[in-house]
N, C-alpha and C. Protein backbone atom coordinates (compact mmCIF):
# COMPACT_ATOMS: atom_id res chain seq x y z
N MET A 1 -32.28 81.40 -121.97
CA MET A 1 -33.17 80.26 -121.82
C MET A 1 -32.47 79.24 -120.93
N ALA A 2 -33.16 78.76 -119.92
CA ALA A 2 -32.58 77.82 -118.96
C ALA A 2 -32.13 76.52 -119.60
N ALA A 3 -32.72 76.14 -120.72
CA ALA A 3 -32.35 74.89 -121.38
C ALA A 3 -30.98 74.98 -122.04
N PHE A 4 -30.53 76.19 -122.35
CA PHE A 4 -29.26 76.41 -123.04
C PHE A 4 -28.56 77.60 -122.39
N SER A 5 -27.91 77.38 -121.24
CA SER A 5 -27.37 78.50 -120.48
C SER A 5 -26.26 79.25 -121.24
N ASP A 6 -25.62 78.59 -122.21
CA ASP A 6 -24.60 79.27 -123.00
C ASP A 6 -25.15 79.68 -124.37
N GLY A 7 -26.47 79.75 -124.49
CA GLY A 7 -27.11 80.06 -125.77
C GLY A 7 -26.55 81.32 -126.41
N ARG A 8 -26.38 81.26 -127.72
CA ARG A 8 -25.85 82.42 -128.44
C ARG A 8 -26.55 82.57 -129.79
N ILE A 9 -26.54 83.78 -130.27
CA ILE A 9 -27.16 84.12 -131.55
C ILE A 9 -26.07 84.56 -132.50
N THR A 10 -26.08 83.98 -133.70
CA THR A 10 -25.10 84.35 -134.72
C THR A 10 -25.82 84.54 -136.05
N SER A 11 -25.09 85.01 -137.02
CA SER A 11 -25.59 85.15 -138.39
C SER A 11 -26.91 85.92 -138.44
N THR A 12 -26.95 87.06 -137.78
CA THR A 12 -28.19 87.84 -137.75
C THR A 12 -28.36 88.66 -139.01
N ARG A 13 -29.62 88.78 -139.40
CA ARG A 13 -30.01 89.64 -140.52
C ARG A 13 -31.34 90.28 -140.17
N PHE A 14 -31.45 91.59 -140.32
CA PHE A 14 -32.66 92.32 -139.99
C PHE A 14 -33.31 92.87 -141.25
N VAL A 15 -34.63 92.84 -141.28
CA VAL A 15 -35.40 93.43 -142.37
C VAL A 15 -36.40 94.39 -141.75
N ASP A 16 -36.36 95.66 -142.16
CA ASP A 16 -37.30 96.67 -141.67
C ASP A 16 -38.50 96.70 -142.60
N ALA A 17 -39.68 96.46 -142.04
CA ALA A 17 -40.90 96.45 -142.84
C ALA A 17 -41.87 97.52 -142.35
N GLY A 18 -41.35 98.67 -141.95
CA GLY A 18 -42.21 99.75 -141.49
C GLY A 18 -42.68 99.53 -140.06
N SER A 19 -43.89 99.02 -139.89
CA SER A 19 -44.43 98.80 -138.54
C SER A 19 -44.04 97.43 -137.99
N ALA A 20 -43.12 96.76 -138.65
CA ALA A 20 -42.64 95.45 -138.19
C ALA A 20 -41.18 95.27 -138.59
N THR A 21 -40.50 94.42 -137.84
CA THR A 21 -39.14 94.01 -138.21
C THR A 21 -39.09 92.49 -138.25
N VAL A 22 -38.21 91.99 -139.07
CA VAL A 22 -37.98 90.55 -139.16
C VAL A 22 -36.51 90.33 -138.87
N MET A 23 -36.22 89.41 -137.95
CA MET A 23 -34.84 89.06 -137.65
C MET A 23 -34.64 87.58 -137.97
N LEU A 24 -33.68 87.31 -138.83
CA LEU A 24 -33.30 85.94 -139.16
C LEU A 24 -31.97 85.68 -138.46
N PHE A 25 -31.87 84.57 -137.75
CA PHE A 25 -30.63 84.30 -137.02
C PHE A 25 -30.46 82.81 -136.78
N THR A 26 -29.25 82.45 -136.39
CA THR A 26 -28.96 81.09 -135.98
C THR A 26 -28.80 81.09 -134.47
N GLY A 27 -29.52 80.20 -133.81
CA GLY A 27 -29.39 80.02 -132.37
C GLY A 27 -28.61 78.74 -132.11
N ALA A 28 -27.68 78.80 -131.15
CA ALA A 28 -26.86 77.63 -130.85
C ALA A 28 -26.58 77.58 -129.36
N GLY A 29 -26.28 76.39 -128.87
CA GLY A 29 -25.91 76.24 -127.47
C GLY A 29 -25.89 74.79 -127.05
N ARG A 30 -25.42 74.57 -125.82
CA ARG A 30 -25.38 73.23 -125.23
C ARG A 30 -26.60 73.07 -124.32
N ASN A 31 -27.31 71.98 -124.50
CA ASN A 31 -28.52 71.71 -123.72
C ASN A 31 -28.13 71.21 -122.33
N ASP A 32 -28.15 72.13 -121.35
CA ASP A 32 -27.77 71.78 -119.99
C ASP A 32 -28.89 71.99 -118.98
N GLY A 33 -30.12 72.11 -119.47
CA GLY A 33 -31.29 72.22 -118.61
C GLY A 33 -32.49 71.65 -119.34
N PRO A 34 -33.60 71.46 -118.64
CA PRO A 34 -34.80 70.91 -119.29
C PRO A 34 -35.26 71.77 -120.46
N PHE A 35 -35.69 71.11 -121.53
CA PHE A 35 -36.25 71.77 -122.71
C PHE A 35 -37.71 71.35 -122.76
N GLY A 36 -38.59 72.18 -122.18
CA GLY A 36 -39.99 71.77 -122.03
C GLY A 36 -40.03 70.52 -121.16
N PRO A 37 -40.72 69.47 -121.62
CA PRO A 37 -40.82 68.25 -120.82
C PRO A 37 -39.61 67.33 -120.97
N PHE A 38 -38.62 67.71 -121.79
CA PHE A 38 -37.49 66.84 -122.08
C PHE A 38 -36.30 67.16 -121.17
N PRO A 39 -35.62 66.14 -120.64
CA PRO A 39 -34.47 66.37 -119.78
C PRO A 39 -33.25 66.85 -120.58
N ALA A 40 -32.32 67.46 -119.87
CA ALA A 40 -31.08 67.92 -120.49
C ALA A 40 -30.30 66.74 -121.05
N THR A 41 -29.60 66.98 -122.17
CA THR A 41 -28.82 65.91 -122.81
C THR A 41 -27.32 66.21 -122.85
N GLY A 42 -26.94 67.46 -122.65
CA GLY A 42 -25.54 67.84 -122.78
C GLY A 42 -25.09 67.99 -124.22
N ARG A 43 -26.00 67.86 -125.16
CA ARG A 43 -25.66 67.95 -126.58
C ARG A 43 -25.66 69.40 -127.07
N ASP A 44 -24.82 69.65 -128.06
CA ASP A 44 -24.79 70.95 -128.73
C ASP A 44 -25.79 70.95 -129.88
N VAL A 45 -26.49 72.07 -130.04
CA VAL A 45 -27.46 72.21 -131.13
C VAL A 45 -27.24 73.53 -131.85
N SER A 46 -27.75 73.60 -133.07
CA SER A 46 -27.71 74.82 -133.87
C SER A 46 -28.89 74.78 -134.81
N SER A 47 -29.64 75.89 -134.88
CA SER A 47 -30.85 75.89 -135.70
C SER A 47 -31.18 77.31 -136.16
N PRO A 48 -31.77 77.44 -137.35
CA PRO A 48 -32.21 78.75 -137.81
C PRO A 48 -33.52 79.16 -137.13
N PHE A 49 -33.66 80.45 -136.90
CA PHE A 49 -34.86 81.03 -136.29
C PHE A 49 -35.30 82.24 -137.10
N CYS A 50 -36.57 82.59 -136.95
CA CYS A 50 -37.12 83.81 -137.55
C CYS A 50 -38.03 84.46 -136.52
N GLU A 51 -37.75 85.72 -136.21
CA GLU A 51 -38.58 86.47 -135.25
C GLU A 51 -39.21 87.65 -135.98
N VAL A 52 -40.52 87.79 -135.84
CA VAL A 52 -41.26 88.91 -136.42
C VAL A 52 -41.79 89.75 -135.26
N ARG A 53 -41.47 91.03 -135.26
CA ARG A 53 -41.91 91.92 -134.18
C ARG A 53 -42.70 93.07 -134.78
N GLU A 54 -43.90 93.31 -134.24
CA GLU A 54 -44.76 94.41 -134.71
C GLU A 54 -44.74 95.54 -133.69
N TYR A 55 -44.86 96.78 -134.19
CA TYR A 55 -44.78 97.98 -133.35
C TYR A 55 -46.03 98.84 -133.53
N ASP A 56 -46.40 99.54 -132.44
CA ASP A 56 -47.52 100.47 -132.54
C ASP A 56 -47.02 101.81 -133.08
N SER A 57 -47.91 102.80 -133.17
CA SER A 57 -47.55 104.09 -133.77
C SER A 57 -46.51 104.86 -132.94
N ASP A 58 -46.33 104.48 -131.66
CA ASP A 58 -45.32 105.11 -130.81
C ASP A 58 -43.98 104.37 -130.87
N GLY A 59 -43.91 103.31 -131.65
CA GLY A 59 -42.68 102.54 -131.76
C GLY A 59 -42.50 101.48 -130.70
N LYS A 60 -43.54 101.26 -129.90
CA LYS A 60 -43.47 100.24 -128.84
C LYS A 60 -43.80 98.87 -129.44
N ALA A 61 -42.98 97.87 -129.11
CA ALA A 61 -43.25 96.50 -129.57
C ALA A 61 -44.54 96.01 -128.93
N VAL A 62 -45.47 95.54 -129.75
CA VAL A 62 -46.76 95.08 -129.25
C VAL A 62 -47.02 93.60 -129.52
N ARG A 63 -46.21 93.01 -130.38
CA ARG A 63 -46.41 91.59 -130.68
C ARG A 63 -45.11 91.01 -131.22
N THR A 64 -44.77 89.82 -130.75
CA THR A 64 -43.59 89.12 -131.24
C THR A 64 -43.96 87.68 -131.54
N GLU A 65 -43.54 87.20 -132.70
CA GLU A 65 -43.75 85.80 -133.08
C GLU A 65 -42.39 85.20 -133.39
N LEU A 66 -42.15 83.98 -132.91
CA LEU A 66 -40.89 83.29 -133.13
C LEU A 66 -41.16 81.98 -133.85
N TYR A 67 -40.45 81.77 -134.95
CA TYR A 67 -40.64 80.57 -135.76
C TYR A 67 -39.32 79.79 -135.80
N TYR A 68 -39.42 78.47 -135.57
CA TYR A 68 -38.24 77.61 -135.68
C TYR A 68 -38.70 76.17 -135.85
N ASP A 69 -37.77 75.33 -136.24
CA ASP A 69 -38.05 73.92 -136.53
C ASP A 69 -37.86 73.09 -135.26
N GLN A 70 -38.95 72.86 -134.53
CA GLN A 70 -38.86 72.10 -133.29
C GLN A 70 -38.39 70.67 -133.53
N LEU A 71 -38.84 70.05 -134.61
CA LEU A 71 -38.44 68.67 -134.89
C LEU A 71 -36.92 68.57 -135.04
N SER A 72 -36.32 69.50 -135.78
CA SER A 72 -34.87 69.48 -135.96
C SER A 72 -34.14 69.58 -134.62
N LEU A 73 -34.61 70.45 -133.75
CA LEU A 73 -33.98 70.57 -132.43
C LEU A 73 -34.12 69.29 -131.63
N LEU A 74 -35.30 68.69 -131.63
CA LEU A 74 -35.52 67.46 -130.87
C LEU A 74 -34.69 66.30 -131.43
N VAL A 75 -34.48 66.28 -132.74
CA VAL A 75 -33.62 65.25 -133.34
C VAL A 75 -32.17 65.49 -132.90
N GLN A 76 -31.70 66.74 -132.97
CA GLN A 76 -30.33 67.05 -132.54
C GLN A 76 -30.11 66.69 -131.07
N LEU A 77 -31.14 66.85 -130.26
CA LEU A 77 -31.04 66.53 -128.84
C LEU A 77 -31.16 65.03 -128.56
N GLY A 78 -31.57 64.25 -129.55
CA GLY A 78 -31.71 62.81 -129.37
C GLY A 78 -33.04 62.38 -128.79
N HIS A 79 -34.00 63.30 -128.72
CA HIS A 79 -35.32 62.97 -128.17
C HIS A 79 -36.26 62.41 -129.22
N MET A 80 -35.95 62.59 -130.49
CA MET A 80 -36.78 62.06 -131.58
C MET A 80 -35.86 61.55 -132.69
N GLN A 81 -36.40 60.69 -133.52
CA GLN A 81 -35.68 60.18 -134.68
C GLN A 81 -36.03 61.06 -135.89
N PRO A 82 -35.09 61.22 -136.81
CA PRO A 82 -35.42 61.98 -138.02
C PRO A 82 -36.49 61.26 -138.83
N PRO A 83 -37.30 62.01 -139.56
CA PRO A 83 -38.33 61.38 -140.38
C PRO A 83 -37.71 60.43 -141.40
N ALA A 84 -38.37 59.33 -141.64
CA ALA A 84 -37.90 58.36 -142.65
C ALA A 84 -38.07 58.95 -144.04
N GLY A 85 -37.18 58.58 -144.92
CA GLY A 85 -37.35 59.00 -146.31
C GLY A 85 -36.25 59.81 -146.76
């Protein structure tokens, strides 16, 4: 990803669910490029992710969904304030 040129994945865990797999991992890196509409900050971030991948009967990946906490990343980057409370 251009926003995190040194991006790395750690703490991976895979779950086989037959026609789908689930990968839980931690993504980390230094923000040295634009992140969507937000400019680079040079800050280091780390966040949990969950990827769900579905396969057809031939084993070809046909759908991938990625889930992560965008608010947490934007707070770590300094683009947003943490929620009050």
